[in-house]
Amino acid sequence: MINGDNWFTKNIPVNTVSTNEKLRANNTPTPGNINNLFATVLNQLMVQQDLQSSTASKVTSFVPPMFSGTDYPMSNTNLTPRTNESLRYRALSSESLDQVLGGKLTGMGEVFIQAGKKYNIDPALLTAIAQHETGNGKSKAAIEKNNIAGMMGKNGLRSYGTVEESIMDMARNLSQNYLGQGLDTISKIGAKYAPIGAGNDPTGLNNYWVRGVTKYTNLLKV
């Protein structure tokens, strides 16, 4: 045989060896007995080889569940969610902003976008601050002074010639004195822009600044 005598001997089942010994003891073997013996040995070898192949296939195909996919968290997986989102400029359509703007802010969507581009600020943030500060364009400061961001001067609330001028001044201030100083979240900006307990906030409206601006900003993040 091609595989050699050693391989043949090692793979013969015990009962086959026993059969051979019995045949050797018989002094008058017949061709029929020899043929039966060969058929029996060959059949047992084939069965044994199939069992070995089947066992090897099962062993190599088995993969422990803990390594079989992403359903199981690995030790080096970062599960910490991102809490800070960039407030720098992103593209928005003026139409989407105009749909939510009212009062003195009506039709100012394109102005908020241009201010955002010029000073690298998300137009949604600029729009949200203006909406919160003015009750969406209906505050006394917005109507009488065109002040849409609560910007203060030496003599109190600043007056602007146009709403556009106020929007640009707000964007400049946020870029230079807030985002430019590392205040990159609405909470950080709010702590400086509208500090709780400030002397110029006797009614405590600053307590709602972060929540209100966040709400308006999220409505525009589509």
N, C-alpha and C. Protein backbone atom coordinates (compact mmCIF):
# COMPACT_ATOMS: atom_id res chain seq x y z
N MET A 1 0.83 -1.20 0.00
CA MET A 1 0.00 0.00 0.00
C MET A 1 0.86 1.24 0.00
N ILE A 2 0.33 2.35 -0.45
CA ILE A 2 1.09 3.58 -0.61
C ILE A 2 1.56 4.13 0.72
N ASN A 3 0.77 3.99 1.77
CA ASN A 3 1.09 4.58 3.05
C ASN A 3 2.11 3.81 3.85
N GLY A 4 2.45 2.57 3.45
CA GLY A 4 3.48 1.82 4.15
C GLY A 4 2.93 0.93 5.23
N ASP A 5 3.73 -0.07 5.62
CA ASP A 5 3.29 -1.05 6.61
C ASP A 5 3.06 -0.45 7.98
N ASN A 6 3.95 0.52 8.37
CA ASN A 6 3.81 1.11 9.72
C ASN A 6 2.47 1.80 9.88
N TRP A 7 2.11 2.59 8.88
CA TRP A 7 0.81 3.30 8.97
C TRP A 7 -0.34 2.33 9.02
N PHE A 8 -0.24 1.26 8.22
CA PHE A 8 -1.31 0.26 8.16
C PHE A 8 -1.50 -0.42 9.50
N THR A 9 -0.37 -0.76 10.16
CA THR A 9 -0.41 -1.48 11.42
C THR A 9 -0.99 -0.62 12.54
N LYS A 10 -0.55 0.67 12.57
CA LYS A 10 -0.99 1.55 13.65
C LYS A 10 -2.48 1.85 13.59
N ASN A 11 -3.08 1.79 12.41
CA ASN A 11 -4.47 2.21 12.26
C ASN A 11 -5.45 1.04 12.20
N ILE A 12 -4.96 -0.23 12.36
CA ILE A 12 -5.88 -1.38 12.36
C ILE A 12 -6.54 -1.48 13.73
N PRO A 13 -7.85 -1.52 13.85
CA PRO A 13 -8.53 -1.68 15.14
C PRO A 13 -8.14 -2.98 15.80
N VAL A 14 -8.31 -3.04 17.10
CA VAL A 14 -7.91 -4.20 17.90
C VAL A 14 -8.64 -5.45 17.43
N ASN A 15 -9.91 -5.31 17.15
CA ASN A 15 -10.67 -6.47 16.75
C ASN A 15 -10.22 -7.01 15.41
N THR A 16 -9.66 -6.17 14.56
CA THR A 16 -9.14 -6.62 13.27
C THR A 16 -7.88 -7.45 13.48
N VAL A 17 -6.98 -7.05 14.38
CA VAL A 17 -5.78 -7.82 14.71
C VAL A 17 -6.15 -9.18 15.24
N SER A 18 -7.16 -9.18 16.07
CA SER A 18 -7.63 -10.44 16.63
C SER A 18 -8.10 -11.37 15.54
N THR A 19 -8.79 -10.81 14.59
CA THR A 19 -9.28 -11.60 13.45
C THR A 19 -8.14 -12.18 12.67
N ASN A 20 -7.10 -11.39 12.43
CA ASN A 20 -5.93 -11.87 11.70
C ASN A 20 -5.27 -13.04 12.41
N GLU A 21 -5.17 -12.92 13.75
CA GLU A 21 -4.53 -14.00 14.52
C GLU A 21 -5.31 -15.30 14.38
N LYS A 22 -6.61 -15.19 14.39
CA LYS A 22 -7.44 -16.38 14.23
C LYS A 22 -7.23 -17.01 12.86
N LEU A 23 -7.11 -16.18 11.85
CA LEU A 23 -6.92 -16.68 10.49
C LEU A 23 -5.58 -17.36 10.34
N ARG A 24 -4.56 -16.74 10.99
CA ARG A 24 -3.23 -17.36 10.93
C ARG A 24 -3.24 -18.76 11.58
N ALA A 25 -4.08 -18.91 12.59
CA ALA A 25 -4.16 -20.19 13.28
C ALA A 25 -4.80 -21.26 12.43
N ASN A 26 -5.55 -20.83 11.46
CA ASN A 26 -6.23 -21.79 10.57
C ASN A 26 -5.23 -22.28 9.54
N ASN A 27 -4.98 -23.62 9.50
CA ASN A 27 -3.95 -24.17 8.60
C ASN A 27 -4.40 -24.26 7.16
N THR A 28 -5.74 -24.11 6.93
CA THR A 28 -6.22 -24.24 5.56
C THR A 28 -7.07 -23.04 5.18
N PRO A 29 -6.42 -21.85 5.06
CA PRO A 29 -7.20 -20.65 4.67
C PRO A 29 -7.74 -20.79 3.26
N THR A 30 -8.91 -20.25 3.05
CA THR A 30 -9.53 -20.29 1.73
C THR A 30 -9.53 -18.92 1.12
N PRO A 31 -9.61 -18.85 -0.21
CA PRO A 31 -9.70 -17.53 -0.86
C PRO A 31 -10.87 -16.70 -0.36
N GLY A 32 -11.96 -17.40 -0.04
CA GLY A 32 -13.13 -16.64 0.45
C GLY A 32 -12.86 -15.99 1.77
N ASN A 33 -12.15 -16.69 2.67
CA ASN A 33 -11.82 -16.11 3.97
C ASN A 33 -10.89 -14.92 3.82
N ILE A 34 -9.92 -15.05 2.92
CA ILE A 34 -8.97 -13.95 2.70
C ILE A 34 -9.70 -12.72 2.16
N ASN A 35 -10.60 -12.92 1.22
CA ASN A 35 -11.35 -11.80 0.66
C ASN A 35 -12.22 -11.12 1.72
N ASN A 36 -12.84 -11.95 2.57
CA ASN A 36 -13.67 -11.38 3.63
C ASN A 36 -12.84 -10.57 4.61
N LEU A 37 -11.65 -11.11 4.92
CA LEU A 37 -10.76 -10.39 5.83
C LEU A 37 -10.34 -9.05 5.26
N PHE A 38 -9.96 -9.05 4.01
CA PHE A 38 -9.53 -7.79 3.36
C PHE A 38 -10.66 -6.77 3.33
N ALA A 39 -11.87 -7.24 2.99
CA ALA A 39 -13.02 -6.34 2.94
C ALA A 39 -13.33 -5.76 4.32
N THR A 40 -13.21 -6.61 5.35
CA THR A 40 -13.49 -6.14 6.72
C THR A 40 -12.48 -5.08 7.16
N VAL A 41 -11.18 -5.39 6.89
CA VAL A 41 -10.13 -4.44 7.27
C VAL A 41 -10.29 -3.13 6.54
N LEU A 42 -10.53 -3.21 5.23
CA LEU A 42 -10.68 -1.98 4.44
C LEU A 42 -11.85 -1.16 4.91
N ASN A 43 -12.96 -1.82 5.22
CA ASN A 43 -14.15 -1.11 5.68
C ASN A 43 -13.90 -0.42 7.02
N GLN A 44 -13.22 -1.09 7.93
CA GLN A 44 -12.94 -0.50 9.24
C GLN A 44 -11.97 0.66 9.15
N LEU A 45 -11.01 0.52 8.21
CA LEU A 45 -10.07 1.64 8.02
C LEU A 45 -10.79 2.88 7.49
N MET A 46 -11.70 2.68 6.55
CA MET A 46 -12.45 3.80 5.99
C MET A 46 -13.33 4.47 7.04
N VAL A 47 -13.97 3.65 7.88
CA VAL A 47 -14.81 4.21 8.95
C VAL A 47 -13.97 5.02 9.92
N GLN A 48 -12.79 4.46 10.29
CA GLN A 48 -11.92 5.15 11.24
C GLN A 48 -11.43 6.47 10.68
N GLN A 49 -11.08 6.48 9.38
CA GLN A 49 -10.58 7.70 8.75
C GLN A 49 -11.66 8.77 8.68
N ASP A 50 -12.93 8.34 8.40
CA ASP A 50 -14.04 9.30 8.37
C ASP A 50 -14.27 9.92 9.73
N LEU A 51 -14.17 9.09 10.79
CA LEU A 51 -14.35 9.62 12.15
C LEU A 51 -13.28 10.62 12.51
N GLN A 52 -12.03 10.32 12.11
CA GLN A 52 -10.93 11.25 12.41
C GLN A 52 -11.11 12.56 11.67
N SER A 53 -11.54 12.48 10.41
CA SER A 53 -11.75 13.71 9.62
C SER A 53 -12.87 14.55 10.20
N SER A 54 -13.95 13.87 10.61
CA SER A 54 -15.09 14.61 11.18
C SER A 54 -14.71 15.30 12.47
N THR A 55 -13.92 14.62 13.33
CA THR A 55 -13.49 15.21 14.60
C THR A 55 -12.59 16.41 14.38
N ALA A 56 -11.65 16.28 13.42
CA ALA A 56 -10.73 17.39 13.13
C ALA A 56 -11.48 18.59 12.61
N SER A 57 -12.52 18.34 11.76
CA SER A 57 -13.29 19.45 11.21
C SER A 57 -14.02 20.21 12.29
N LYS A 58 -14.59 19.46 13.27
CA LYS A 58 -15.32 20.11 14.35
C LYS A 58 -14.39 20.93 15.23
N VAL A 59 -13.18 20.42 15.46
CA VAL A 59 -12.23 21.12 16.32
C VAL A 59 -11.77 22.41 15.69
N THR A 60 -11.46 22.37 14.38
CA THR A 60 -10.93 23.57 13.72
C THR A 60 -12.01 24.60 13.48
N SER A 61 -13.29 24.17 13.37
CA SER A 61 -14.35 25.13 13.10
C SER A 61 -14.92 25.75 14.36
N PHE A 62 -14.57 25.22 15.52
CA PHE A 62 -15.12 25.76 16.77
C PHE A 62 -14.41 27.05 17.15
N VAL A 63 -15.21 28.09 17.42
CA VAL A 63 -14.66 29.36 17.87
C VAL A 63 -15.37 29.75 19.15
N PRO A 64 -14.66 29.98 20.22
CA PRO A 64 -15.31 30.37 21.48
C PRO A 64 -16.18 31.58 21.29
N PRO A 65 -17.40 31.59 21.81
CA PRO A 65 -18.32 32.71 21.62
C PRO A 65 -17.74 34.06 21.98
N MET A 66 -16.86 34.13 22.96
CA MET A 66 -16.35 35.41 23.41
C MET A 66 -15.45 36.08 22.36
N PHE A 67 -15.04 35.33 21.30
CA PHE A 67 -14.22 35.92 20.26
C PHE A 67 -14.91 35.90 18.91
N SER A 68 -16.20 35.56 18.88
CA SER A 68 -16.84 35.32 17.61
C SER A 68 -17.46 36.56 16.98
N GLY A 69 -17.51 37.68 17.66
CA GLY A 69 -18.13 38.85 17.06
C GLY A 69 -18.11 40.03 17.99
N THR A 70 -18.85 41.08 17.62
CA THR A 70 -18.85 42.33 18.38
C THR A 70 -19.93 42.37 19.44
N ASP A 71 -20.69 41.26 19.60
CA ASP A 71 -21.72 41.25 20.63
C ASP A 71 -21.13 41.20 22.02
N TYR A 72 -19.84 40.87 22.14
CA TYR A 72 -19.20 40.76 23.43
C TYR A 72 -18.18 41.88 23.58
N PRO A 73 -18.32 42.75 24.57
CA PRO A 73 -17.39 43.87 24.74
C PRO A 73 -15.99 43.39 25.06
N MET A 74 -15.00 43.95 24.39
CA MET A 74 -13.62 43.61 24.65
C MET A 74 -13.03 44.57 25.67
N SER A 75 -11.95 44.16 26.30
CA SER A 75 -11.37 44.95 27.39
C SER A 75 -10.82 46.28 26.92
N ASN A 76 -10.43 46.36 25.61
CA ASN A 76 -9.84 47.60 25.12
C ASN A 76 -10.85 48.48 24.40
N THR A 77 -12.14 48.14 24.51
CA THR A 77 -13.17 48.93 23.84
C THR A 77 -13.47 50.18 24.65
N ASN A 78 -13.46 51.32 23.97
CA ASN A 78 -13.76 52.58 24.64
C ASN A 78 -15.26 52.77 24.69
N LEU A 79 -15.85 52.63 25.85
CA LEU A 79 -17.29 52.74 26.00
C LEU A 79 -17.72 54.12 26.48
N THR A 80 -16.77 55.04 26.62
CA THR A 80 -17.09 56.38 27.10
C THR A 80 -17.69 57.19 25.97
N PRO A 81 -18.94 57.66 26.10
CA PRO A 81 -19.55 58.42 25.03
C PRO A 81 -18.92 59.80 24.91
N ARG A 82 -18.95 60.33 23.71
CA ARG A 82 -18.45 61.69 23.51
C ARG A 82 -19.46 62.68 24.04
N THR A 83 -19.01 63.58 24.88
CA THR A 83 -19.93 64.55 25.49
C THR A 83 -19.79 65.94 24.89
N ASN A 84 -18.68 66.20 24.20
CA ASN A 84 -18.46 67.51 23.62
C ASN A 84 -18.62 67.45 22.11
N GLU A 85 -19.39 68.33 21.58
CA GLU A 85 -19.58 68.41 20.14
C GLU A 85 -19.10 69.76 19.67
N SER A 86 -18.40 69.79 18.55
CA SER A 86 -17.82 71.03 18.07
C SER A 86 -18.90 72.07 17.81
N LEU A 87 -18.62 73.29 18.24
CA LEU A 87 -19.54 74.41 17.98
C LEU A 87 -19.01 75.30 16.86
N ARG A 88 -18.04 74.79 16.13
CA ARG A 88 -17.50 75.55 15.00
C ARG A 88 -18.45 75.46 13.81
N TYR A 89 -18.15 76.22 12.78
CA TYR A 89 -19.06 76.37 11.65
C TYR A 89 -19.42 75.04 10.99
N ARG A 90 -20.69 74.92 10.66
CA ARG A 90 -21.17 73.83 9.82
C ARG A 90 -22.25 74.38 8.91
N ALA A 91 -22.39 73.75 7.77
CA ALA A 91 -23.32 74.26 6.75
C ALA A 91 -24.77 74.02 7.17
N LEU A 92 -25.55 75.05 7.05
CA LEU A 92 -27.00 74.98 7.24
C LEU A 92 -27.66 75.79 6.14
N SER A 93 -28.90 75.47 5.83
CA SER A 93 -29.62 76.26 4.84
C SER A 93 -30.35 77.41 5.53
N SER A 94 -30.35 78.55 4.86
CA SER A 94 -31.04 79.72 5.43
C SER A 94 -32.53 79.45 5.57
N GLU A 95 -33.06 78.60 4.68
CA GLU A 95 -34.49 78.28 4.74
C GLU A 95 -34.83 77.55 6.04
N SER A 96 -33.95 76.63 6.46
CA SER A 96 -34.23 75.89 7.69
C SER A 96 -34.22 76.81 8.90
N LEU A 97 -33.38 77.83 8.89
CA LEU A 97 -33.35 78.79 10.00
C LEU A 97 -34.56 79.72 9.95
N ASP A 98 -34.89 80.19 8.76
CA ASP A 98 -36.01 81.12 8.64
C ASP A 98 -37.33 80.51 9.08
N GLN A 99 -37.43 79.19 8.98
CA GLN A 99 -38.67 78.53 9.38
C GLN A 99 -38.96 78.65 10.87
N VAL A 100 -37.92 78.85 11.68
CA VAL A 100 -38.11 78.90 13.13
C VAL A 100 -37.96 80.30 13.70
N LEU A 101 -37.54 81.26 12.89
CA LEU A 101 -37.29 82.62 13.38
C LEU A 101 -38.54 83.48 13.29
N GLY A 102 -38.72 84.32 14.33
CA GLY A 102 -39.89 85.21 14.35
C GLY A 102 -39.51 86.59 14.88
N GLY A 103 -40.51 87.48 14.99
CA GLY A 103 -40.30 88.83 15.50
C GLY A 103 -39.20 89.55 14.75
N LYS A 104 -38.28 90.19 15.47
CA LYS A 104 -37.18 90.94 14.87
C LYS A 104 -36.14 90.03 14.19
N LEU A 105 -36.27 88.73 14.41
CA LEU A 105 -35.34 87.77 13.80
C LEU A 105 -35.87 87.22 12.47
N THR A 106 -37.06 87.61 12.11
CA THR A 106 -37.67 87.08 10.90
C THR A 106 -36.79 87.36 9.67
N GLY A 107 -36.55 86.32 8.89
CA GLY A 107 -35.78 86.46 7.65
C GLY A 107 -34.28 86.62 7.84
N MET A 108 -33.77 86.40 9.05
CA MET A 108 -32.34 86.62 9.33
C MET A 108 -31.50 85.34 9.20
N GLY A 109 -32.06 84.29 8.64
CA GLY A 109 -31.33 83.04 8.52
C GLY A 109 -30.01 83.18 7.78
N GLU A 110 -30.02 83.89 6.67
CA GLU A 110 -28.79 84.06 5.89
C GLU A 110 -27.75 84.88 6.64
N VAL A 111 -28.20 85.83 7.44
CA VAL A 111 -27.27 86.65 8.23
C VAL A 111 -26.57 85.79 9.28
N PHE A 112 -27.31 84.91 9.94
CA PHE A 112 -26.70 84.02 10.92
C PHE A 112 -25.67 83.10 10.24
N ILE A 113 -25.96 82.66 9.03
CA ILE A 113 -25.03 81.79 8.31
C ILE A 113 -23.76 82.55 7.94
N GLN A 114 -23.90 83.76 7.45
CA GLN A 114 -22.73 84.56 7.09
C GLN A 114 -21.88 84.89 8.32
N ALA A 115 -22.54 85.19 9.42
CA ALA A 115 -21.80 85.47 10.66
C ALA A 115 -21.06 84.21 11.12
N GLY A 116 -21.70 83.06 10.97
CA GLY A 116 -21.05 81.82 11.35
C GLY A 116 -19.83 81.53 10.50
N LYS A 117 -19.92 81.78 9.19
CA LYS A 117 -18.78 81.57 8.31
C LYS A 117 -17.63 82.52 8.66
N LYS A 118 -17.96 83.77 8.87
CA LYS A 118 -16.93 84.78 9.12
C LYS A 118 -16.15 84.49 10.39
N TYR A 119 -16.85 84.04 11.43
CA TYR A 119 -16.19 83.84 12.73
C TYR A 119 -16.07 82.36 13.13
N ASN A 120 -16.35 81.47 12.18
CA ASN A 120 -16.20 80.02 12.39
C ASN A 120 -16.99 79.53 13.61
N ILE A 121 -18.28 79.81 13.58
CA ILE A 121 -19.19 79.38 14.64
C ILE A 121 -20.40 78.72 14.00
N ASP A 122 -20.91 77.69 14.65
CA ASP A 122 -22.11 77.03 14.16
C ASP A 122 -23.27 78.02 14.11
N PRO A 123 -23.87 78.24 12.93
CA PRO A 123 -25.01 79.16 12.83
C PRO A 123 -26.16 78.74 13.75
N ALA A 124 -26.27 77.45 14.02
CA ALA A 124 -27.34 76.99 14.91
C ALA A 124 -27.15 77.54 16.32
N LEU A 125 -25.89 77.62 16.76
CA LEU A 125 -25.62 78.18 18.09
C LEU A 125 -25.97 79.67 18.13
N LEU A 126 -25.56 80.40 17.11
CA LEU A 126 -25.88 81.84 17.05
C LEU A 126 -27.38 82.06 17.05
N THR A 127 -28.08 81.28 16.25
CA THR A 127 -29.53 81.41 16.17
C THR A 127 -30.18 81.06 17.51
N ALA A 128 -29.70 80.01 18.15
CA ALA A 128 -30.28 79.57 19.41
C ALA A 128 -30.11 80.62 20.51
N ILE A 129 -28.93 81.23 20.57
CA ILE A 129 -28.70 82.27 21.59
C ILE A 129 -29.63 83.45 21.35
N ALA A 130 -29.77 83.84 20.09
CA ALA A 130 -30.67 84.96 19.78
C ALA A 130 -32.11 84.63 20.13
N GLN A 131 -32.53 83.42 19.83
CA GLN A 131 -33.91 83.04 20.15
C GLN A 131 -34.15 83.04 21.66
N HIS A 132 -33.19 82.50 22.40
CA HIS A 132 -33.36 82.45 23.85
C HIS A 132 -33.32 83.84 24.48
N GLU A 133 -32.40 84.66 24.03
CA GLU A 133 -32.24 85.99 24.63
C GLU A 133 -33.42 86.91 24.35
N THR A 134 -34.09 86.69 23.24
CA THR A 134 -35.15 87.64 22.83
C THR A 134 -36.55 87.04 22.84
N GLY A 135 -36.68 85.78 23.30
CA GLY A 135 -38.00 85.16 23.17
C GLY A 135 -38.37 85.03 21.71
N ASN A 136 -37.39 84.66 20.91
CA ASN A 136 -37.53 84.52 19.45
C ASN A 136 -37.93 85.84 18.80
N GLY A 137 -37.16 86.87 19.16
CA GLY A 137 -37.31 88.15 18.47
C GLY A 137 -38.37 89.07 19.01
N LYS A 138 -38.90 88.79 20.20
CA LYS A 138 -40.03 89.58 20.71
C LYS A 138 -39.69 90.40 21.96
N SER A 139 -38.45 90.38 22.41
CA SER A 139 -38.08 91.11 23.62
C SER A 139 -38.04 92.62 23.37
N LYS A 140 -38.08 93.37 24.46
CA LYS A 140 -38.02 94.83 24.37
C LYS A 140 -36.67 95.27 23.81
N ALA A 141 -35.60 94.58 24.22
CA ALA A 141 -34.27 94.93 23.74
C ALA A 141 -34.16 94.73 22.23
N ALA A 142 -34.77 93.66 21.73
CA ALA A 142 -34.72 93.39 20.30
C ALA A 142 -35.54 94.43 19.53
N ILE A 143 -36.70 94.76 20.04
CA ILE A 143 -37.59 95.68 19.32
C ILE A 143 -37.07 97.12 19.36
N GLU A 144 -36.61 97.58 20.54
CA GLU A 144 -36.22 98.98 20.69
C GLU A 144 -34.75 99.25 20.39
N LYS A 145 -33.88 98.28 20.60
CA LYS A 145 -32.44 98.51 20.46
C LYS A 145 -31.77 97.63 19.40
N ASN A 146 -32.57 96.77 18.75
CA ASN A 146 -32.01 95.80 17.79
C ASN A 146 -30.96 94.90 18.44
N ASN A 147 -31.03 94.75 19.74
CA ASN A 147 -30.08 93.94 20.49
C ASN A 147 -30.67 92.54 20.65
N ILE A 148 -30.12 91.59 19.90
CA ILE A 148 -30.72 90.26 19.89
C ILE A 148 -29.91 89.24 20.70
N ALA A 149 -28.86 89.69 21.38
CA ALA A 149 -28.01 88.74 22.08
C ALA A 149 -27.75 89.13 23.53
N GLY A 150 -28.44 90.15 24.03
CA GLY A 150 -28.22 90.58 25.41
C GLY A 150 -26.85 91.20 25.61
N MET A 151 -26.25 91.73 24.56
CA MET A 151 -24.91 92.33 24.66
C MET A 151 -24.97 93.59 25.51
N MET A 152 -24.01 93.70 26.45
CA MET A 152 -23.98 94.81 27.37
C MET A 152 -22.86 95.79 27.04
N GLY A 153 -23.10 97.06 27.34
CA GLY A 153 -22.09 98.10 27.18
C GLY A 153 -21.88 98.83 28.50
N LYS A 154 -21.18 99.94 28.44
CA LYS A 154 -20.92 100.72 29.66
C LYS A 154 -22.19 101.23 30.29
N ASN A 155 -23.18 101.49 29.48
CA ASN A 155 -24.43 102.06 29.99
C ASN A 155 -25.58 101.06 29.94
N GLY A 156 -25.25 99.80 30.05
CA GLY A 156 -26.31 98.80 30.02
C GLY A 156 -26.41 98.13 28.65
N LEU A 157 -27.60 97.75 28.25
CA LEU A 157 -27.80 97.09 26.97
C LEU A 157 -27.36 97.98 25.81
N ARG A 158 -26.61 97.41 24.91
CA ARG A 158 -26.15 98.16 23.75
C ARG A 158 -27.29 98.37 22.75
N SER A 159 -27.16 99.44 22.01
CA SER A 159 -28.11 99.71 20.93
C SER A 159 -27.38 99.52 19.60
N TYR A 160 -28.07 98.97 18.62
CA TYR A 160 -27.50 98.73 17.30
C TYR A 160 -28.38 99.38 16.24
N GLY A 161 -27.71 99.78 15.17
CA GLY A 161 -28.48 100.39 14.07
C GLY A 161 -29.36 99.38 13.36
N THR A 162 -28.92 98.14 13.27
CA THR A 162 -29.70 97.09 12.61
C THR A 162 -29.53 95.77 13.37
N VAL A 163 -30.45 94.86 13.09
CA VAL A 163 -30.34 93.52 13.68
C VAL A 163 -29.12 92.80 13.13
N GLU A 164 -28.82 93.02 11.84
CA GLU A 164 -27.65 92.40 11.24
C GLU A 164 -26.37 92.78 11.98
N GLU A 165 -26.28 94.05 12.37
CA GLU A 165 -25.11 94.52 13.11
C GLU A 165 -24.99 93.83 14.46
N SER A 166 -26.11 93.60 15.10
CA SER A 166 -26.12 92.92 16.39
C SER A 166 -25.70 91.46 16.25
N ILE A 167 -26.16 90.81 15.19
CA ILE A 167 -25.79 89.40 14.97
C ILE A 167 -24.28 89.27 14.76
N MET A 168 -23.72 90.16 13.96
CA MET A 168 -22.28 90.10 13.69
C MET A 168 -21.46 90.39 14.95
N ASP A 169 -21.94 91.32 15.79
CA ASP A 169 -21.22 91.64 17.02
C ASP A 169 -21.25 90.46 17.99
N MET A 170 -22.39 89.78 18.05
CA MET A 170 -22.50 88.60 18.90
C MET A 170 -21.54 87.52 18.43
N ALA A 171 -21.46 87.28 17.12
CA ALA A 171 -20.57 86.24 16.58
C ALA A 171 -19.11 86.58 16.86
N ARG A 172 -18.75 87.85 16.71
CA ARG A 172 -17.38 88.29 17.00
C ARG A 172 -17.03 88.04 18.45
N ASN A 173 -17.93 88.42 19.34
CA ASN A 173 -17.70 88.27 20.78
C ASN A 173 -17.54 86.79 21.16
N LEU A 174 -18.40 85.93 20.64
CA LEU A 174 -18.33 84.51 20.95
C LEU A 174 -17.03 83.89 20.42
N SER A 175 -16.63 84.30 19.23
CA SER A 175 -15.42 83.74 18.63
C SER A 175 -14.17 84.13 19.42
N GLN A 176 -14.07 85.40 19.77
CA GLN A 176 -12.86 85.90 20.43
C GLN A 176 -12.80 85.57 21.91
N ASN A 177 -13.89 85.74 22.60
CA ASN A 177 -13.88 85.67 24.06
C ASN A 177 -14.43 84.38 24.67
N TYR A 178 -14.91 83.49 23.82
CA TYR A 178 -15.48 82.24 24.32
C TYR A 178 -14.83 81.02 23.64
N LEU A 179 -15.20 80.75 22.39
CA LEU A 179 -14.59 79.62 21.70
C LEU A 179 -13.08 79.79 21.59
N GLY A 180 -12.65 81.02 21.35
CA GLY A 180 -11.22 81.29 21.23
C GLY A 180 -10.47 81.12 22.55
N GLN A 181 -11.20 81.08 23.66
CA GLN A 181 -10.60 80.88 24.98
C GLN A 181 -10.81 79.46 25.50
N GLY A 182 -11.21 78.57 24.60
CA GLY A 182 -11.37 77.17 24.98
C GLY A 182 -12.73 76.81 25.56
N LEU A 183 -13.67 77.73 25.56
CA LEU A 183 -15.02 77.44 26.06
C LEU A 183 -15.81 76.83 24.91
N ASP A 184 -15.72 75.50 24.77
CA ASP A 184 -16.21 74.83 23.57
C ASP A 184 -17.49 74.05 23.77
N THR A 185 -18.20 74.29 24.84
CA THR A 185 -19.52 73.68 25.03
C THR A 185 -20.49 74.76 25.47
N ILE A 186 -21.77 74.47 25.31
CA ILE A 186 -22.79 75.45 25.71
C ILE A 186 -22.74 75.69 27.21
N SER A 187 -22.46 74.67 27.98
CA SER A 187 -22.38 74.84 29.44
C SER A 187 -21.23 75.77 29.83
N LYS A 188 -20.08 75.59 29.20
CA LYS A 188 -18.93 76.45 29.51
C LYS A 188 -19.19 77.88 29.07
N ILE A 189 -19.80 78.03 27.91
CA ILE A 189 -20.13 79.39 27.43
C ILE A 189 -21.12 80.05 28.38
N GLY A 190 -22.13 79.29 28.78
CA GLY A 190 -23.17 79.85 29.64
C GLY A 190 -22.64 80.32 30.98
N ALA A 191 -21.64 79.63 31.53
CA ALA A 191 -21.10 80.01 32.83
C ALA A 191 -20.47 81.40 32.80
N LYS A 192 -20.03 81.83 31.62
CA LYS A 192 -19.43 83.15 31.47
C LYS A 192 -20.41 84.15 30.84
N TYR A 193 -21.16 83.69 29.85
CA TYR A 193 -22.08 84.57 29.12
C TYR A 193 -23.26 84.99 30.00
N ALA A 194 -23.78 84.05 30.76
CA ALA A 194 -24.93 84.33 31.62
C ALA A 194 -24.72 83.66 32.97
N PRO A 195 -23.76 84.15 33.76
CA PRO A 195 -23.43 83.50 35.04
C PRO A 195 -24.59 83.57 36.03
N ILE A 196 -24.81 82.43 36.67
CA ILE A 196 -25.89 82.38 37.66
C ILE A 196 -25.53 83.25 38.86
N GLY A 197 -26.49 84.07 39.29
CA GLY A 197 -26.27 84.96 40.42
C GLY A 197 -25.63 86.28 40.05
N ALA A 198 -25.54 86.60 38.76
CA ALA A 198 -24.94 87.85 38.32
C ALA A 198 -25.76 89.04 38.83
N GLY A 199 -25.08 90.16 39.09
CA GLY A 199 -25.76 91.35 39.62
C GLY A 199 -26.76 91.95 38.66
N ASN A 200 -26.54 91.75 37.33
CA ASN A 200 -27.48 92.33 36.36
C ASN A 200 -28.59 91.34 35.98
N ASP A 201 -28.78 90.33 36.83
CA ASP A 201 -29.84 89.35 36.57
C ASP A 201 -30.67 89.17 37.84
N PRO A 202 -31.39 90.20 38.24
CA PRO A 202 -32.12 90.16 39.51
C PRO A 202 -33.24 89.13 39.55
N THR A 203 -33.77 88.76 38.38
CA THR A 203 -34.89 87.80 38.37
C THR A 203 -34.43 86.36 38.17
N GLY A 204 -33.12 86.15 38.07
CA GLY A 204 -32.59 84.79 37.97
C GLY A 204 -32.81 84.09 36.64
N LEU A 205 -32.95 84.86 35.57
CA LEU A 205 -33.16 84.25 34.25
C LEU A 205 -31.93 83.47 33.76
N ASN A 206 -30.76 83.81 34.28
CA ASN A 206 -29.56 83.10 33.83
C ASN A 206 -29.59 81.61 34.21
N ASN A 207 -30.42 81.26 35.18
CA ASN A 207 -30.54 79.85 35.55
C ASN A 207 -31.03 78.99 34.40
N TYR A 208 -31.71 79.60 33.45
CA TYR A 208 -32.31 78.85 32.36
C TYR A 208 -31.54 78.99 31.05
N TRP A 209 -30.43 79.71 31.07
CA TRP A 209 -29.72 80.02 29.83
C TRP A 209 -29.20 78.76 29.14
N VAL A 210 -28.45 77.94 29.85
CA VAL A 210 -27.88 76.73 29.24
C VAL A 210 -28.97 75.81 28.72
N ARG A 211 -29.99 75.60 29.51
CA ARG A 211 -31.07 74.71 29.10
C ARG A 211 -31.80 75.25 27.87
N GLY A 212 -32.08 76.55 27.87
CA GLY A 212 -32.81 77.14 26.75
C GLY A 212 -32.00 77.13 25.46
N VAL A 213 -30.72 77.53 25.55
CA VAL A 213 -29.88 77.56 24.34
C VAL A 213 -29.66 76.15 23.81
N THR A 214 -29.48 75.20 24.71
CA THR A 214 -29.31 73.81 24.29
C THR A 214 -30.55 73.31 23.55
N LYS A 215 -31.70 73.63 24.07
CA LYS A 215 -32.95 73.20 23.44
C LYS A 215 -33.06 73.76 22.03
N TYR A 216 -32.84 75.05 21.87
CA TYR A 216 -32.95 75.67 20.54
C TYR A 216 -31.89 75.12 19.58
N THR A 217 -30.69 74.89 20.10
CA THR A 217 -29.61 74.38 19.25
C THR A 217 -29.95 72.97 18.75
N ASN A 218 -30.46 72.13 19.63
CA ASN A 218 -30.78 70.76 19.25
C ASN A 218 -31.89 70.70 18.21
N LEU A 219 -32.82 71.64 18.27
CA LEU A 219 -33.90 71.67 17.30
C LEU A 219 -33.38 71.96 15.89
N LEU A 220 -32.21 72.61 15.82
CA LEU A 220 -31.66 72.97 14.52
C LEU A 220 -30.60 71.99 14.02
N LYS A 221 -30.26 71.01 14.82
CA LYS A 221 -29.23 70.02 14.42
C LYS A 221 -29.91 68.89 13.68
N VAL A 222 -30.23 69.14 12.43
CA VAL A 222 -30.88 68.15 11.57
C VAL A 222 -30.03 67.93 10.33
